[in-house]
Amino acid sequence: AKPHTAKITKEKFDELEEVEVLPHPA
């Protein structure tokens, strides 16, 4: 995978983790 793509993927994954961890209305 290209470094650029990997960076975007990691950022998106971090966002998903935050959504999973942080309490939020369904």
PDB file of N, CA and C in Angstrom:
ATOM      1  N   ALA A   1       0.846  -1.205   0.000  1.00  0.00           N
ATOM      2  CA  ALA A   1       0.000   0.000   0.000  1.00  0.00           C
ATOM      3  C   ALA A   1       0.876   1.248   0.000  1.00  0.00           C
ATOM      4  N   LYS A   2       0.394   2.274  -0.659  1.00  0.00           N
ATOM      5  CA  LYS A   2       1.160   3.517  -0.719  1.00  0.00           C
ATOM      6  C   LYS A   2       1.092   4.241   0.620  1.00  0.00           C
ATOM      7  N   PRO A   3       2.169   4.918   1.013  1.00  0.00           N
ATOM      8  CA  PRO A   3       2.209   5.654   2.288  1.00  0.00           C
ATOM      9  C   PRO A   3       1.031   6.613   2.410  1.00  0.00           C
ATOM     10  N   HIS A   4       0.676   7.280   1.304  1.00  0.00           N
ATOM     11  CA  HIS A   4      -0.430   8.239   1.331  1.00  0.00           C
ATOM     12  C   HIS A   4      -1.727   7.528   1.694  1.00  0.00           C
ATOM     13  N   THR A   5      -1.977   6.405   1.045  1.00  0.00           N
ATOM     14  CA  THR A   5      -3.198   5.636   1.307  1.00  0.00           C
ATOM     15  C   THR A   5      -3.197   5.113   2.733  1.00  0.00           C
ATOM     16  N   ALA A   6      -2.051   4.637   3.183  1.00  0.00           N
ATOM     17  CA  ALA A   6      -1.954   4.095   4.537  1.00  0.00           C
ATOM     18  C   ALA A   6      -2.259   5.187   5.558  1.00  0.00           C
ATOM     19  N   LYS A   7      -1.780   6.403   5.293  1.00  0.00           N
ATOM     20  CA  LYS A   7      -2.019   7.509   6.220  1.00  0.00           C
ATOM     21  C   LYS A   7      -3.518   7.791   6.321  1.00  0.00           C
ATOM     22  N   ILE A   8      -4.180   7.842   5.173  1.00  0.00           N
ATOM     23  CA  ILE A   8      -5.624   8.101   5.167  1.00  0.00           C
ATOM     24  C   ILE A   8      -6.357   6.989   5.902  1.00  0.00           C
ATOM     25  N   THR A   9      -5.970   5.753   5.645  1.00  0.00           N
ATOM     26  CA  THR A   9      -6.624   4.611   6.286  1.00  0.00           C
ATOM     27  C   THR A   9      -6.470   4.695   7.793  1.00  0.00           C
ATOM     28  N   LYS A  10      -5.264   5.041   8.269  1.00  0.00           N
ATOM     29  CA  LYS A  10      -5.029   5.128   9.711  1.00  0.00           C
ATOM     30  C   LYS A  10      -5.902   6.229  10.318  1.00  0.00           C
ATOM     31  N   GLU A  11      -5.993   7.369   9.633  1.00  0.00           N
ATOM     32  CA  GLU A  11      -6.814   8.470  10.147  1.00  0.00           C
ATOM     33  C   GLU A  11      -8.271   8.045  10.238  1.00  0.00           C
ATOM     34  N   LYS A  12      -8.765   7.365   9.204  1.00  0.00           N
ATOM     35  CA  LYS A  12     -10.155   6.905   9.200  1.00  0.00           C
ATOM     36  C   LYS A  12     -10.368   5.897  10.309  1.00  0.00           C
ATOM     37  N   PHE A  13      -9.385   5.014  10.521  1.00  0.00           N
ATOM     38  CA  PHE A  13      -9.499   4.000  11.565  1.00  0.00           C
ATOM     39  C   PHE A  13      -9.544   4.665  12.935  1.00  0.00           C
ATOM     40  N   ASP A  14      -8.714   5.701  13.122  1.00  0.00           N
ATOM     41  CA  ASP A  14      -8.708   6.430  14.400  1.00  0.00           C
ATOM     42  C   ASP A  14     -10.077   7.070  14.633  1.00  0.00           C
ATOM     43  N   GLU A  15     -10.671   7.610  13.566  1.00  0.00           N
ATOM     44  CA  GLU A  15     -11.994   8.229  13.696  1.00  0.00           C
ATOM     45  C   GLU A  15     -13.012   7.182  14.122  1.00  0.00           C
ATOM     46  N   LEU A  16     -12.941   6.008  13.505  1.00  0.00           N
ATOM     47  CA  LEU A  16     -13.882   4.942  13.843  1.00  0.00           C
ATOM     48  C   LEU A  16     -13.703   4.526  15.296  1.00  0.00           C
ATOM     49  N   GLU A  17     -12.463   4.452  15.754  1.00  0.00           N
ATOM     50  CA  GLU A  17     -12.201   4.066  17.143  1.00  0.00           C
ATOM     51  C   GLU A  17     -12.819   5.092  18.088  1.00  0.00           C
ATOM     52  N   GLU A  18     -12.682   6.371  17.761  1.00  0.00           N
ATOM     53  CA  GLU A  18     -13.248   7.422  18.611  1.00  0.00           C
ATOM     54  C   GLU A  18     -14.762   7.276  18.670  1.00  0.00           C
ATOM     55  N   VAL A  19     -15.377   6.993  17.553  1.00  0.00           N
ATOM     56  CA  VAL A  19     -16.834   6.829  17.500  1.00  0.00           C
ATOM     57  C   VAL A  19     -17.244   5.628  18.345  1.00  0.00           C
ATOM     58  N   GLU A  20     -16.443   4.569  18.297  1.00  0.00           N
ATOM     59  CA  GLU A  20     -16.753   3.357  19.059  1.00  0.00           C
ATOM     60  C   GLU A  20     -16.626   3.620  20.562  1.00  0.00           C
ATOM     61  N   VAL A  21     -15.591   4.356  20.951  1.00  0.00           N
ATOM     62  CA  VAL A  21     -15.306   4.578  22.366  1.00  0.00           C
ATOM     63  C   VAL A  21     -16.199   5.663  22.966  1.00  0.00           C
ATOM     64  N   LEU A  22     -16.307   6.799  22.276  1.00  0.00           N
ATOM     65  CA  LEU A  22     -17.081   7.908  22.817  1.00  0.00           C
ATOM     66  C   LEU A  22     -18.574   7.601  22.815  1.00  0.00           C
ATOM     67  N   PRO A  23     -19.261   7.934  23.905  1.00  0.00           N
ATOM     68  CA  PRO A  23     -20.710   7.739  23.976  1.00  0.00           C
ATOM     69  C   PRO A  23     -21.411   8.697  23.019  1.00  0.00           C
ATOM     70  N   HIS A  24     -22.367   8.183  22.261  1.00  0.00           N
ATOM     71  CA  HIS A  24     -23.075   9.028  21.307  1.00  0.00           C
ATOM     72  C   HIS A  24     -24.475   8.478  21.067  1.00  0.00           C
ATOM     73  N   PRO A  25     -25.428   9.357  20.764  1.00  0.00           N
ATOM     74  CA  PRO A  25     -26.807   8.912  20.492  1.00  0.00           C
ATOM     75  C   PRO A  25     -26.855   8.011  19.274  1.00  0.00           C
ATOM     76  N   ALA A  26     -27.607   6.935  19.317  1.00  0.00           N
ATOM     77  CA  ALA A  26     -27.652   5.973  18.226  1.00  0.00           C
ATOM     78  C   ALA A  26     -28.193   6.627  16.962  1.00  0.00           C
TER      79      ALA A  26
END
